[in-house]
């Protein structure tokens, strides 16, 4: 069965039709998509593509209730929309893609596949925040984790390529957003992102982990909530460190030209990445496979080499046979299509 995969990002719309053995039958990316009621790009794409039997949608946040791929009806759509506060940048875009596909392909199964679902196997020790119990109960405060569709595919594919059944895999999804996952025998047991996608590693414009006391101090110093949110989401990370922007290619070029801010940005990025990989390995009691995926992870060989250079104590290195180090192309679309087919086979 051919599956149309709809991946609505914060500003773009990626569309892909996958056929037998996940062959790509049609593919396009609309770099600037307004969302809302706009169906034109999807309509244009469908005009010249093979027929499809189902539509799979990437949805960033499934909250505590969506732990597996779910067929979308009006009730499910409403429940996804109710989670917008947990992912205000991404959830509305996913809903726009869902609405557009439901209008244009009303007779087909529409299936939501959630980035958070992969991490629902994490133990309570990894998901529970040490904050007042009343807060946790009232607002469902917990570590959700993100990039689950990417981590699921990359960890599974890396274990296959390494020939290590039941492997302990540290998956590094490195792009504009970045996170790590500890995956033991195909199950997520830890990850670096938390209640929101702001936590964990240094990213292009997001801060990653910051002392919460620092944030309280900044508010008392006069920053408004809006200023704090904007700074942490859009003006931190590599952009805040380097002052040349959040694109790692630009940061690396500036560093090569001797820019001290850019040099520090790379050092901080790699330091936090090594630290995170070691933490993920500790959550599994060791590591068998280290896999890099995502735009940065796949294409920046210097970053991979710098990262590995500090991990020899884990048995990771070019001369070590103990840990396989691999690069896997990010294929969230394959994971989404697979989840759609599995769900439809279960439900008949």
C-alpha atoms as a PDB file:
ATOM      1  CA  UNK A   1       0.000   0.000   0.000  1.00  0.00           C
ATOM      2  CA  UNK A   2       1.276   3.451  -0.909  1.00  0.00           C
ATOM      3  CA  UNK A   3       1.364   5.870   2.024  1.00  0.00           C
ATOM      4  CA  UNK A   4       1.414   9.648   1.808  1.00  0.00           C
ATOM      5  CA  UNK A   5       3.577  11.088   4.600  1.00  0.00           C
ATOM      6  CA  UNK A   6       2.790  14.658   5.644  1.00  0.00           C
ATOM      7  CA  UNK A   7       5.497  16.305   7.750  1.00  0.00           C
ATOM      8  CA  UNK A   8       4.557  19.887   8.633  1.00  0.00           C
ATOM      9  CA  UNK A   9       7.471  21.810  10.135  1.00  0.00           C
ATOM     10  CA  UNK A  10       7.517  25.222  11.742  1.00  0.00           C
ATOM     11  CA  UNK A  11       7.621  26.914   8.326  1.00  0.00           C
ATOM     12  CA  UNK A  12       7.856  24.147   5.702  1.00  0.00           C
ATOM     13  CA  UNK A  13       5.749  21.255   4.475  1.00  0.00           C
ATOM     14  CA  UNK A  14       7.400  17.984   3.434  1.00  0.00           C
ATOM     15  CA  UNK A  15       5.350  15.555   1.378  1.00  0.00           C
ATOM     16  CA  UNK A  16       6.433  12.079   0.317  1.00  0.00           C
ATOM     17  CA  UNK A  17       4.708   8.995  -1.088  1.00  0.00           C
ATOM     18  CA  UNK A  18       6.278   5.672  -0.104  1.00  0.00           C
ATOM     19  CA  UNK A  19       5.505   2.468  -1.953  1.00  0.00           C
ATOM     20  CA  UNK A  20       6.689  -1.130  -1.674  1.00  0.00           C
ATOM     21  CA  UNK A  21       9.845  -1.591   0.397  1.00  0.00           C
ATOM     22  CA  UNK A  22       9.563   2.129   1.202  1.00  0.00           C
ATOM     23  CA  UNK A  23      10.542   3.202  -2.288  1.00  0.00           C
ATOM     24  CA  UNK A  24      10.072   6.959  -2.715  1.00  0.00           C
ATOM     25  CA  UNK A  25       7.471   7.369  -5.462  1.00  0.00           C
ATOM     26  CA  UNK A  26       7.026  11.126  -5.120  1.00  0.00           C
ATOM     27  CA  UNK A  27       8.648  13.791  -2.993  1.00  0.00           C
ATOM     28  CA  UNK A  28       8.531  17.546  -2.495  1.00  0.00           C
ATOM     29  CA  UNK A  29       9.258  20.184   0.115  1.00  0.00           C
ATOM     30  CA  UNK A  30       7.376  23.462   0.247  1.00  0.00           C
ATOM     31  CA  UNK A  31       9.833  25.727   2.048  1.00  0.00           C
ATOM     32  CA  UNK A  32       7.307  28.424   2.898  1.00  0.00           C
ATOM     33  CA  UNK A  33       3.870  27.128   3.785  1.00  0.00           C
ATOM     34  CA  UNK A  34       1.458  29.345   5.642  1.00  0.00           C
ATOM     35  CA  UNK A  35      -0.609  26.491   7.103  1.00  0.00           C
ATOM     36  CA  UNK A  36      -4.123  27.425   8.135  1.00  0.00           C
ATOM     37  CA  UNK A  37      -6.658  26.664   5.409  1.00  0.00           C
ATOM     38  CA  UNK A  38      -4.095  26.563   2.590  1.00  0.00           C
ATOM     39  CA  UNK A  39      -4.490  23.327   0.610  1.00  0.00           C
ATOM     40  CA  UNK A  40      -2.909  24.469  -2.663  1.00  0.00           C
ATOM     41  CA  UNK A  41       0.560  22.899  -2.220  1.00  0.00           C
ATOM     42  CA  UNK A  42      -0.882  19.548  -1.182  1.00  0.00           C
ATOM     43  CA  UNK A  43      -3.445  19.672  -3.997  1.00  0.00           C
ATOM     44  CA  UNK A  44      -0.715  20.404  -6.552  1.00  0.00           C
ATOM     45  CA  UNK A  45       1.410  17.538  -5.231  1.00  0.00           C
ATOM     46  CA  UNK A  46      -1.425  15.012  -5.331  1.00  0.00           C
ATOM     47  CA  UNK A  47      -2.312  15.892  -8.905  1.00  0.00           C
ATOM     48  CA  UNK A  48       0.791  14.140 -10.286  1.00  0.00           C
ATOM     49  CA  UNK A  49       1.405  11.365  -7.741  1.00  0.00           C
ATOM     50  CA  UNK A  50       0.405   7.705  -7.563  1.00  0.00           C
ATOM     51  CA  UNK A  51      -2.754   6.887  -5.638  1.00  0.00           C
ATOM     52  CA  UNK A  52      -2.332   6.308  -1.920  1.00  0.00           C
ATOM     53  CA  UNK A  53      -4.156   4.102   0.575  1.00  0.00           C
ATOM     54  CA  UNK A  54      -3.459   6.064   3.750  1.00  0.00           C
ATOM     55  CA  UNK A  55      -2.014   9.333   5.014  1.00  0.00           C
ATOM     56  CA  UNK A  56       0.465   9.471   7.883  1.00  0.00           C
ATOM     57  CA  UNK A  57       1.036  12.721   9.781  1.00  0.00           C
ATOM     58  CA  UNK A  58       3.974  13.595  11.989  1.00  0.00           C
ATOM     59  CA  UNK A  59       2.691  15.157  15.217  1.00  0.00           C
ATOM     60  CA  UNK A  60       5.319  16.432  17.633  1.00  0.00           C
ATOM     61  CA  UNK A  61       3.440  16.090  20.916  1.00  0.00           C
ATOM     62  CA  UNK A  62       1.120  13.292  21.989  1.00  0.00           C
ATOM     63  CA  UNK A  63       1.050  14.248  25.655  1.00  0.00           C
ATOM     64  CA  UNK A  64       0.487  11.478  28.204  1.00  0.00           C
ATOM     65  CA  UNK A  65      -2.370   9.843  26.294  1.00  0.00           C
ATOM     66  CA  UNK A  66      -1.122   9.143  22.745  1.00  0.00           C
ATOM     67  CA  UNK A  67       1.413   6.339  23.052  1.00  0.00           C
ATOM     68  CA  UNK A  68       1.021   4.807  19.597  1.00  0.00           C
ATOM     69  CA  UNK A  69      -0.078   5.700  16.071  1.00  0.00           C
ATOM     70  CA  UNK A  70      -3.756   6.675  16.125  1.00  0.00           C
ATOM     71  CA  UNK A  71      -6.444   7.009  13.449  1.00  0.00           C
ATOM     72  CA  UNK A  72      -7.637  10.602  13.281  1.00  0.00           C
ATOM     73  CA  UNK A  73     -11.300  11.438  13.700  1.00  0.00           C
ATOM     74  CA  UNK A  74     -12.879  14.635  15.017  1.00  0.00           C
ATOM     75  CA  UNK A  75     -12.369  13.604  18.633  1.00  0.00           C
ATOM     76  CA  UNK A  76      -8.707  12.693  18.156  1.00  0.00           C
ATOM     77  CA  UNK A  77      -8.113  15.936  16.282  1.00  0.00           C
ATOM     78  CA  UNK A  78      -9.604  17.884  19.188  1.00  0.00           C
ATOM     79  CA  UNK A  79      -7.384  16.036  21.666  1.00  0.00           C
ATOM     80  CA  UNK A  80      -4.301  16.825  19.569  1.00  0.00           C
ATOM     81  CA  UNK A  81      -5.317  20.474  19.458  1.00  0.00           C
ATOM     82  CA  UNK A  82      -5.737  20.490  23.246  1.00  0.00           C
ATOM     83  CA  UNK A  83      -2.008  19.704  23.521  1.00  0.00           C
ATOM     84  CA  UNK A  84      -0.994  22.867  21.645  1.00  0.00           C
ATOM     85  CA  UNK A  85       0.250  24.524  24.829  1.00  0.00           C
ATOM     86  CA  UNK A  86       2.947  21.834  25.117  1.00  0.00           C
ATOM     87  CA  UNK A  87       4.257  22.456  21.575  1.00  0.00           C
ATOM     88  CA  UNK A  88       2.970  25.876  20.475  1.00  0.00           C
ATOM     89  CA  UNK A  89       5.256  26.156  17.450  1.00  0.00           C
ATOM     90  CA  UNK A  90       4.671  22.702  15.988  1.00  0.00           C
ATOM     91  CA  UNK A  91       1.213  21.481  16.979  1.00  0.00           C
ATOM     92  CA  UNK A  92      -0.772  24.082  14.975  1.00  0.00           C
ATOM     93  CA  UNK A  93       1.269  23.262  11.861  1.00  0.00           C
ATOM     94  CA  UNK A  94       0.577  19.550  12.220  1.00  0.00           C
ATOM     95  CA  UNK A  95      -3.119  20.302  12.625  1.00  0.00           C
ATOM     96  CA  UNK A  96      -3.066  22.422   9.463  1.00  0.00           C
ATOM     97  CA  UNK A  97      -1.568  19.488   7.556  1.00  0.00           C
ATOM     98  CA  UNK A  98      -4.160  17.123   8.999  1.00  0.00           C
ATOM     99  CA  UNK A  99      -7.015  19.448   8.078  1.00  0.00           C
ATOM    100  CA  UNK A 100      -5.723  19.947   4.538  1.00  0.00           C
ATOM    101  CA  UNK A 101      -5.327  16.212   3.915  1.00  0.00           C
ATOM    102  CA  UNK A 102      -8.732  15.383   5.418  1.00  0.00           C
ATOM    103  CA  UNK A 103     -10.387  17.922   3.127  1.00  0.00           C
ATOM    104  CA  UNK A 104      -8.625  16.717  -0.017  1.00  0.00           C
ATOM    105  CA  UNK A 105      -8.646  12.965   0.745  1.00  0.00           C
ATOM    106  CA  UNK A 106     -11.780  12.469   2.812  1.00  0.00           C
ATOM    107  CA  UNK A 107     -12.158   8.744   2.135  1.00  0.00           C
ATOM    108  CA  UNK A 108      -8.688   7.689   3.285  1.00  0.00           C
ATOM    109  CA  UNK A 109      -7.473   6.694   6.757  1.00  0.00           C
ATOM    110  CA  UNK A 110      -5.601   9.623   8.296  1.00  0.00           C
ATOM    111  CA  UNK A 111      -3.150   8.487  10.966  1.00  0.00           C
ATOM    112  CA  UNK A 112      -1.238  10.564  13.519  1.00  0.00           C
ATOM    113  CA  UNK A 113       2.260   9.372  14.422  1.00  0.00           C
ATOM    114  CA  UNK A 114       3.707  11.048  17.495  1.00  0.00           C
ATOM    115  CA  UNK A 115       7.310  12.050  18.184  1.00  0.00           C
ATOM    116  CA  UNK A 116       6.736  11.597  21.909  1.00  0.00           C
ATOM    117  CA  UNK A 117       5.295   8.072  21.612  1.00  0.00           C
ATOM    118  CA  UNK A 118       8.671   6.340  21.193  1.00  0.00           C
ATOM    119  CA  UNK A 119       9.780   7.617  24.586  1.00  0.00           C
ATOM    120  CA  UNK A 120       6.782   6.319  26.542  1.00  0.00           C
ATOM    121  CA  UNK A 121       8.815   3.194  27.330  1.00  0.00           C
ATOM    122  CA  UNK A 122      11.225   5.194  29.501  1.00  0.00           C
ATOM    123  CA  UNK A 123      11.196   4.153  33.177  1.00  0.00           C
ATOM    124  CA  UNK A 124       9.789   6.455  35.829  1.00  0.00           C
ATOM    125  CA  UNK A 125      13.301   7.183  37.083  1.00  0.00           C
ATOM    126  CA  UNK A 126      14.065   8.806  33.715  1.00  0.00           C
ATOM    127  CA  UNK A 127      10.784  10.672  33.268  1.00  0.00           C
ATOM    128  CA  UNK A 128      10.038  12.047  36.721  1.00  0.00           C
ATOM    129  CA  UNK A 129      11.007  15.589  37.696  1.00  0.00           C
ATOM    130  CA  UNK A 130      11.968  16.293  41.307  1.00  0.00           C
ATOM    131  CA  UNK A 131       9.425  19.093  41.693  1.00  0.00           C
ATOM    132  CA  UNK A 132       6.447  19.287  44.078  1.00  0.00           C
ATOM    133  CA  UNK A 133       4.124  16.308  43.622  1.00  0.00           C
ATOM    134  CA  UNK A 134       1.107  18.613  43.432  1.00  0.00           C
ATOM    135  CA  UNK A 135       2.636  20.301  40.388  1.00  0.00           C
ATOM    136  CA  UNK A 136       3.346  16.986  38.677  1.00  0.00           C
ATOM    137  CA  UNK A 137      -0.194  15.741  39.222  1.00  0.00           C
ATOM    138  CA  UNK A 138      -1.948  18.969  38.226  1.00  0.00           C
ATOM    139  CA  UNK A 139      -0.053  19.594  34.991  1.00  0.00           C
ATOM    140  CA  UNK A 140       1.262  16.143  33.995  1.00  0.00           C
ATOM    141  CA  UNK A 141       4.823  17.354  34.402  1.00  0.00           C
ATOM    142  CA  UNK A 142       7.268  14.735  33.129  1.00  0.00           C
ATOM    143  CA  UNK A 143      10.035  14.217  30.629  1.00  0.00           C
ATOM    144  CA  UNK A 144       8.304  13.470  27.326  1.00  0.00           C
ATOM    145  CA  UNK A 145      11.217  13.486  24.899  1.00  0.00           C
ATOM    146  CA  UNK A 146      11.023  14.328  21.202  1.00  0.00           C
ATOM    147  CA  UNK A 147      12.473  13.353  17.805  1.00  0.00           C
ATOM    148  CA  UNK A 148      11.073   9.912  18.588  1.00  0.00           C
ATOM    149  CA  UNK A 149      10.276   9.012  14.985  1.00  0.00           C
ATOM    150  CA  UNK A 150      13.854   9.791  13.960  1.00  0.00           C
ATOM    151  CA  UNK A 151      15.411   8.007  16.942  1.00  0.00           C
ATOM    152  CA  UNK A 152      13.242   4.938  16.358  1.00  0.00           C
ATOM    153  CA  UNK A 153      14.346   4.578  12.748  1.00  0.00           C
ATOM    154  CA  UNK A 154      18.011   5.505  13.256  1.00  0.00           C
ATOM    155  CA  UNK A 155      18.531   3.189  16.235  1.00  0.00           C
ATOM    156  CA  UNK A 156      16.828   0.245  14.544  1.00  0.00           C
ATOM    157  CA  UNK A 157      18.673   0.725  11.254  1.00  0.00           C
ATOM    158  CA  UNK A 158      22.025   1.195  12.990  1.00  0.00           C
ATOM    159  CA  UNK A 159      21.605  -2.015  14.988  1.00  0.00           C
ATOM    160  CA  UNK A 160      20.743  -3.858  11.766  1.00  0.00           C
ATOM    161  CA  UNK A 161      23.789  -2.468   9.941  1.00  0.00           C
ATOM    162  CA  UNK A 162      26.063  -3.292  12.872  1.00  0.00           C
ATOM    163  CA  UNK A 163      24.640  -6.816  13.101  1.00  0.00           C
ATOM    164  CA  UNK A 164      24.056  -6.381  16.821  1.00  0.00           C
ATOM    165  CA  UNK A 165      20.731  -7.836  17.929  1.00  0.00           C
ATOM    166  CA  UNK A 166      19.431  -6.310  21.155  1.00  0.00           C
ATOM    167  CA  UNK A 167      22.061  -3.581  20.953  1.00  0.00           C
ATOM    168  CA  UNK A 168      22.442  -0.663  23.340  1.00  0.00           C
ATOM    169  CA  UNK A 169      22.307   2.278  20.924  1.00  0.00           C
ATOM    170  CA  UNK A 170      22.935   5.954  21.556  1.00  0.00           C
ATOM    171  CA  UNK A 171      21.127   7.822  18.792  1.00  0.00           C
ATOM    172  CA  UNK A 172      22.263  11.384  18.038  1.00  0.00           C
ATOM    173  CA  UNK A 173      19.667  13.392  16.102  1.00  0.00           C
ATOM    174  CA  UNK A 174      21.559  16.567  15.262  1.00  0.00           C
ATOM    175  CA  UNK A 175      19.925  19.289  13.208  1.00  0.00           C
ATOM    176  CA  UNK A 176      18.500  22.709  14.015  1.00  0.00           C
ATOM    177  CA  UNK A 177      16.906  20.886  16.917  1.00  0.00           C
ATOM    178  CA  UNK A 178      19.061  18.245  18.556  1.00  0.00           C
ATOM    179  CA  UNK A 179      18.569  15.420  21.021  1.00  0.00           C
ATOM    180  CA  UNK A 180      20.030  12.113  22.089  1.00  0.00           C
ATOM    181  CA  UNK A 181      18.239   8.889  22.955  1.00  0.00           C
ATOM    182  CA  UNK A 182      19.362   5.787  24.805  1.00  0.00           C
ATOM    183  CA  UNK A 183      17.735   2.824  23.038  1.00  0.00           C
ATOM    184  CA  UNK A 184      18.145  -0.644  24.525  1.00  0.00           C
ATOM    185  CA  UNK A 185      16.860  -3.551  22.440  1.00  0.00           C
ATOM    186  CA  UNK A 186      14.678  -1.177  20.420  1.00  0.00           C
ATOM    187  CA  UNK A 187      13.118   0.594  23.424  1.00  0.00           C
ATOM    188  CA  UNK A 188      13.812   4.158  24.522  1.00  0.00           C
ATOM    189  CA  UNK A 189      15.108   4.236  28.098  1.00  0.00           C
ATOM    190  CA  UNK A 190      16.368   7.826  28.280  1.00  0.00           C
ATOM    191  CA  UNK A 191      16.604  11.012  26.231  1.00  0.00           C
ATOM    192  CA  UNK A 192      17.921  14.556  26.542  1.00  0.00           C
ATOM    193  CA  UNK A 193      14.827  16.604  25.696  1.00  0.00           C
ATOM    194  CA  UNK A 194      12.257  16.968  28.430  1.00  0.00           C
ATOM    195  CA  UNK A 195       8.832  18.466  29.043  1.00  0.00           C
ATOM    196  CA  UNK A 196       9.492  20.668  25.997  1.00  0.00           C
ATOM    197  CA  UNK A 197      11.942  20.485  23.059  1.00  0.00           C
ATOM    198  CA  UNK A 198      13.983  23.250  24.711  1.00  0.00           C
ATOM    199  CA  UNK A 199      15.902  20.941  27.042  1.00  0.00           C
ATOM    200  CA  UNK A 200      19.119  19.018  26.548  1.00  0.00           C
ATOM    201  CA  UNK A 201      21.821  19.733  23.979  1.00  0.00           C
ATOM    202  CA  UNK A 202      22.911  23.082  22.593  1.00  0.00           C
ATOM    203  CA  UNK A 203      20.919  23.618  19.371  1.00  0.00           C
ATOM    204  CA  UNK A 204      20.904  26.119  16.523  1.00  0.00           C
ATOM    205  CA  UNK A 205      18.943  28.805  18.360  1.00  0.00           C
ATOM    206  CA  UNK A 206      17.709  26.943  21.472  1.00  0.00           C
ATOM    207  CA  UNK A 207      19.670  26.983  24.697  1.00  0.00           C
ATOM    208  CA  UNK A 208      19.348  23.396  25.816  1.00  0.00           C
ATOM    209  CA  UNK A 209      19.764  22.795  29.548  1.00  0.00           C
ATOM    210  CA  UNK A 210      20.086  25.911  31.678  1.00  0.00           C
ATOM    211  CA  UNK A 211      20.156  26.277  35.469  1.00  0.00           C
ATOM    212  CA  UNK A 212      16.497  26.950  36.381  1.00  0.00           C
ATOM    213  CA  UNK A 213      17.722  29.316  39.072  1.00  0.00           C
ATOM    214  CA  UNK A 214      19.307  31.447  36.351  1.00  0.00           C
ATOM    215  CA  UNK A 215      15.911  31.801  34.687  1.00  0.00           C
ATOM    216  CA  UNK A 216      14.272  32.822  37.955  1.00  0.00           C
ATOM    217  CA  UNK A 217      17.056  35.362  38.484  1.00  0.00           C
ATOM    218  CA  UNK A 218      16.580  36.815  34.999  1.00  0.00           C
ATOM    219  CA  UNK A 219      12.867  37.286  35.632  1.00  0.00           C
ATOM    220  CA  UNK A 220      13.581  39.066  38.882  1.00  0.00           C
ATOM    221  CA  UNK A 221      16.154  41.169  37.031  1.00  0.00           C
ATOM    222  CA  UNK A 222      13.390  42.468  34.780  1.00  0.00           C
ATOM    223  CA  UNK A 223      12.988  40.153  31.781  1.00  0.00           C
ATOM    224  CA  UNK A 224       9.366  39.457  30.886  1.00  0.00           C
ATOM    225  CA  UNK A 225       8.131  35.939  30.195  1.00  0.00           C
ATOM    226  CA  UNK A 226       7.861  36.755  26.483  1.00  0.00           C
ATOM    227  CA  UNK A 227      11.440  38.065  26.402  1.00  0.00           C
ATOM    228  CA  UNK A 228      12.701  35.016  28.250  1.00  0.00           C
ATOM    229  CA  UNK A 229      10.894  32.624  25.920  1.00  0.00           C
ATOM    230  CA  UNK A 230      12.079  34.435  22.794  1.00  0.00           C
ATOM    231  CA  UNK A 231      15.664  34.516  24.008  1.00  0.00           C
ATOM    232  CA  UNK A 232      15.780  30.839  24.928  1.00  0.00           C
ATOM    233  CA  UNK A 233      13.993  29.649  21.772  1.00  0.00           C
ATOM    234  CA  UNK A 234      15.328  31.993  19.083  1.00  0.00           C
ATOM    235  CA  UNK A 235      18.493  33.768  20.251  1.00  0.00           C
ATOM    236  CA  UNK A 236      20.395  31.161  22.243  1.00  0.00           C
ATOM    237  CA  UNK A 237      22.277  28.005  21.257  1.00  0.00           C
ATOM    238  CA  UNK A 238      24.909  28.361  18.557  1.00  0.00           C
ATOM    239  CA  UNK A 239      23.425  31.707  17.545  1.00  0.00           C
ATOM    240  CA  UNK A 240      23.782  33.134  21.033  1.00  0.00           C
ATOM    241  CA  UNK A 241      27.264  31.735  21.563  1.00  0.00           C
ATOM    242  CA  UNK A 242      28.788  32.558  18.186  1.00  0.00           C
ATOM    243  CA  UNK A 243      26.938  35.774  17.316  1.00  0.00           C
ATOM    244  CA  UNK A 244      27.124  34.727  13.646  1.00  0.00           C
ATOM    245  CA  UNK A 245      23.893  32.700  13.570  1.00  0.00           C
ATOM    246  CA  UNK A 246      22.680  29.207  14.307  1.00  0.00           C
ATOM    247  CA  UNK A 247      23.885  27.426  11.151  1.00  0.00           C
ATOM    248  CA  UNK A 248      26.808  25.211  12.162  1.00  0.00           C
ATOM    249  CA  UNK A 249      28.413  25.686   8.747  1.00  0.00           C
ATOM    250  CA  UNK A 250      28.608  29.446   9.312  1.00  0.00           C
ATOM    251  CA  UNK A 251      29.899  28.949  12.848  1.00  0.00           C
ATOM    252  CA  UNK A 252      32.604  26.564  11.649  1.00  0.00           C
ATOM    253  CA  UNK A 253      33.726  28.969   8.914  1.00  0.00           C
ATOM    254  CA  UNK A 254      33.937  31.826  11.419  1.00  0.00           C
ATOM    255  CA  UNK A 255      35.920  29.603  13.786  1.00  0.00           C
ATOM    256  CA  UNK A 256      38.346  28.707  11.005  1.00  0.00           C
ATOM    257  CA  UNK A 257      38.806  32.436  10.417  1.00  0.00           C
ATOM    258  CA  UNK A 258      39.786  32.856  14.056  1.00  0.00           C
ATOM    259  CA  UNK A 259      36.555  34.230  15.526  1.00  0.00           C
ATOM    260  CA  UNK A 260      36.824  33.589  19.279  1.00  0.00           C
ATOM    261  CA  UNK A 261      33.066  33.509  19.829  1.00  0.00           C
ATOM    262  CA  UNK A 262      32.622  30.894  17.096  1.00  0.00           C
ATOM    263  CA  UNK A 263      35.490  28.801  18.468  1.00  0.00           C
ATOM    264  CA  UNK A 264      33.864  28.824  21.907  1.00  0.00           C
ATOM    265  CA  UNK A 265      30.483  27.940  20.374  1.00  0.00           C
ATOM    266  CA  UNK A 266      31.944  24.798  18.802  1.00  0.00           C
ATOM    267  CA  UNK A 267      33.701  23.865  22.033  1.00  0.00           C
ATOM    268  CA  UNK A 268      30.511  24.220  24.081  1.00  0.00           C
ATOM    269  CA  UNK A 269      28.478  22.304  21.485  1.00  0.00           C
ATOM    270  CA  UNK A 270      30.914  19.359  21.436  1.00  0.00           C
ATOM    271  CA  UNK A 271      31.369  19.385  25.219  1.00  0.00           C
ATOM    272  CA  UNK A 272      27.637  19.071  25.802  1.00  0.00           C
ATOM    273  CA  UNK A 273      27.316  16.444  23.065  1.00  0.00           C
ATOM    274  CA  UNK A 274      30.041  14.244  24.576  1.00  0.00           C
ATOM    275  CA  UNK A 275      28.564  14.717  28.027  1.00  0.00           C
ATOM    276  CA  UNK A 276      25.133  13.695  26.775  1.00  0.00           C
ATOM    277  CA  UNK A 277      26.388  10.606  24.961  1.00  0.00           C
ATOM    278  CA  UNK A 278      28.141   9.431  28.118  1.00  0.00           C
ATOM    279  CA  UNK A 279      24.966  10.015  30.130  1.00  0.00           C
ATOM    280  CA  UNK A 280      22.872   8.019  27.660  1.00  0.00           C
ATOM    281  CA  UNK A 281      25.392   5.163  27.801  1.00  0.00           C
ATOM    282  CA  UNK A 282      25.233   5.242  31.599  1.00  0.00           C
ATOM    283  CA  UNK A 283      21.447   4.844  31.443  1.00  0.00           C
ATOM    284  CA  UNK A 284      21.936   1.531  29.640  1.00  0.00           C
ATOM    285  CA  UNK A 285      25.017   0.302  31.497  1.00  0.00           C
ATOM    286  CA  UNK A 286      27.120   0.600  28.367  1.00  0.00           C
ATOM    287  CA  UNK A 287      26.990   1.183  24.620  1.00  0.00           C
ATOM    288  CA  UNK A 288      27.255  -1.075  21.576  1.00  0.00           C
ATOM    289  CA  UNK A 289      26.359   1.343  18.768  1.00  0.00           C
ATOM    290  CA  UNK A 290      26.668   5.108  18.346  1.00  0.00           C
ATOM    291  CA  UNK A 291      24.659   6.517  15.454  1.00  0.00           C
ATOM    292  CA  UNK A 292      24.555  10.025  14.007  1.00  0.00           C
ATOM    293  CA  UNK A 293      21.541  11.251  12.042  1.00  0.00           C
ATOM    294  CA  UNK A 294      19.889  14.542  11.062  1.00  0.00           C
ATOM    295  CA  UNK A 295      21.321  17.285   8.852  1.00  0.00           C
ATOM    296  CA  UNK A 296      24.298  18.084  11.081  1.00  0.00           C
ATOM    297  CA  UNK A 297      24.867  14.530  12.240  1.00  0.00           C
ATOM    298  CA  UNK A 298      24.939  13.194   8.696  1.00  0.00           C
ATOM    299  CA  UNK A 299      26.990  15.877   6.976  1.00  0.00           C
ATOM    300  CA  UNK A 300      29.517  17.294   9.464  1.00  0.00           C
ATOM    301  CA  UNK A 301      32.341  14.762   9.586  1.00  0.00           C
ATOM    302  CA  UNK A 302      34.556  17.125  11.607  1.00  0.00           C
ATOM    303  CA  UNK A 303      31.917  17.331  14.337  1.00  0.00           C
ATOM    304  CA  UNK A 304      31.626  13.554  14.486  1.00  0.00           C
ATOM    305  CA  UNK A 305      35.415  13.194  14.728  1.00  0.00           C
ATOM    306  CA  UNK A 306      35.690  15.841  17.470  1.00  0.00           C
ATOM    307  CA  UNK A 307      32.912  14.177  19.425  1.00  0.00           C
ATOM    308  CA  UNK A 308      34.357  10.673  19.182  1.00  0.00           C
ATOM    309  CA  UNK A 309      37.825  11.936  20.146  1.00  0.00           C
ATOM    310  CA  UNK A 310      36.633  12.491  23.703  1.00  0.00           C
ATOM    311  CA  UNK A 311      34.820   9.182  24.142  1.00  0.00           C
ATOM    312  CA  UNK A 312      37.631   6.621  24.126  1.00  0.00           C
ATOM    313  CA  UNK A 313      36.858   5.759  27.763  1.00  0.00           C
ATOM    314  CA  UNK A 314      33.537   4.296  26.514  1.00  0.00           C
ATOM    315  CA  UNK A 315      35.314   2.113  23.989  1.00  0.00           C
ATOM    316  CA  UNK A 316      34.400   4.484  21.162  1.00  0.00           C
ATOM    317  CA  UNK A 317      37.093   5.246  18.621  1.00  0.00           C
ATOM    318  CA  UNK A 318      38.405   4.467  15.148  1.00  0.00           C
ATOM    319  CA  UNK A 319      40.632   1.646  16.430  1.00  0.00           C
ATOM    320  CA  UNK A 320      38.105   0.142  18.847  1.00  0.00           C
ATOM    321  CA  UNK A 321      36.113  -2.927  17.766  1.00  0.00           C
ATOM    322  CA  UNK A 322      33.780  -2.681  20.742  1.00  0.00           C
ATOM    323  CA  UNK A 323      31.416   0.086  19.633  1.00  0.00           C
ATOM    324  CA  UNK A 324      30.138   0.520  16.084  1.00  0.00           C
ATOM    325  CA  UNK A 325      29.945   4.159  14.961  1.00  0.00           C
ATOM    326  CA  UNK A 326      27.536   4.741  12.082  1.00  0.00           C
ATOM    327  CA  UNK A 327      25.860   7.481  10.096  1.00  0.00           C
ATOM    328  CA  UNK A 328      22.218   6.848   9.124  1.00  0.00           C
ATOM    329  CA  UNK A 329      20.090   9.068   6.928  1.00  0.00           C
ATOM    330  CA  UNK A 330      17.142  10.545   8.810  1.00  0.00           C
ATOM    331  CA  UNK A 331      14.026   8.760   7.549  1.00  0.00           C
ATOM    332  CA  UNK A 332      11.080   9.769   9.698  1.00  0.00           C
ATOM    333  CA  UNK A 333       8.939   9.070   6.644  1.00  0.00           C
ATOM    334  CA  UNK A 334       9.838   5.371   6.725  1.00  0.00           C
ATOM    335  CA  UNK A 335       8.939   5.166  10.405  1.00  0.00           C
ATOM    336  CA  UNK A 336       5.626   6.952   9.828  1.00  0.00           C
ATOM    337  CA  UNK A 337       4.686   4.751   6.863  1.00  0.00           C
ATOM    338  CA  UNK A 338       5.570   1.637   8.847  1.00  0.00           C
ATOM    339  CA  UNK A 339       3.418   2.705  11.794  1.00  0.00           C
ATOM    340  CA  UNK A 340       0.513   3.438   9.444  1.00  0.00           C
ATOM    341  CA  UNK A 341       0.686   0.028   7.799  1.00  0.00           C
ATOM    342  CA  UNK A 342       0.989  -1.736  11.165  1.00  0.00           C
ATOM    343  CA  UNK A 343      -2.060   0.052  12.527  1.00  0.00           C
ATOM    344  CA  UNK A 344      -4.154  -0.717   9.454  1.00  0.00           C
ATOM    345  CA  UNK A 345      -3.116  -4.374   9.544  1.00  0.00           C
ATOM    346  CA  UNK A 346      -4.158  -4.564  13.216  1.00  0.00           C
ATOM    347  CA  UNK A 347      -7.543  -2.987  12.594  1.00  0.00           C
ATOM    348  CA  UNK A 348      -8.232  -4.886   9.397  1.00  0.00           C
END
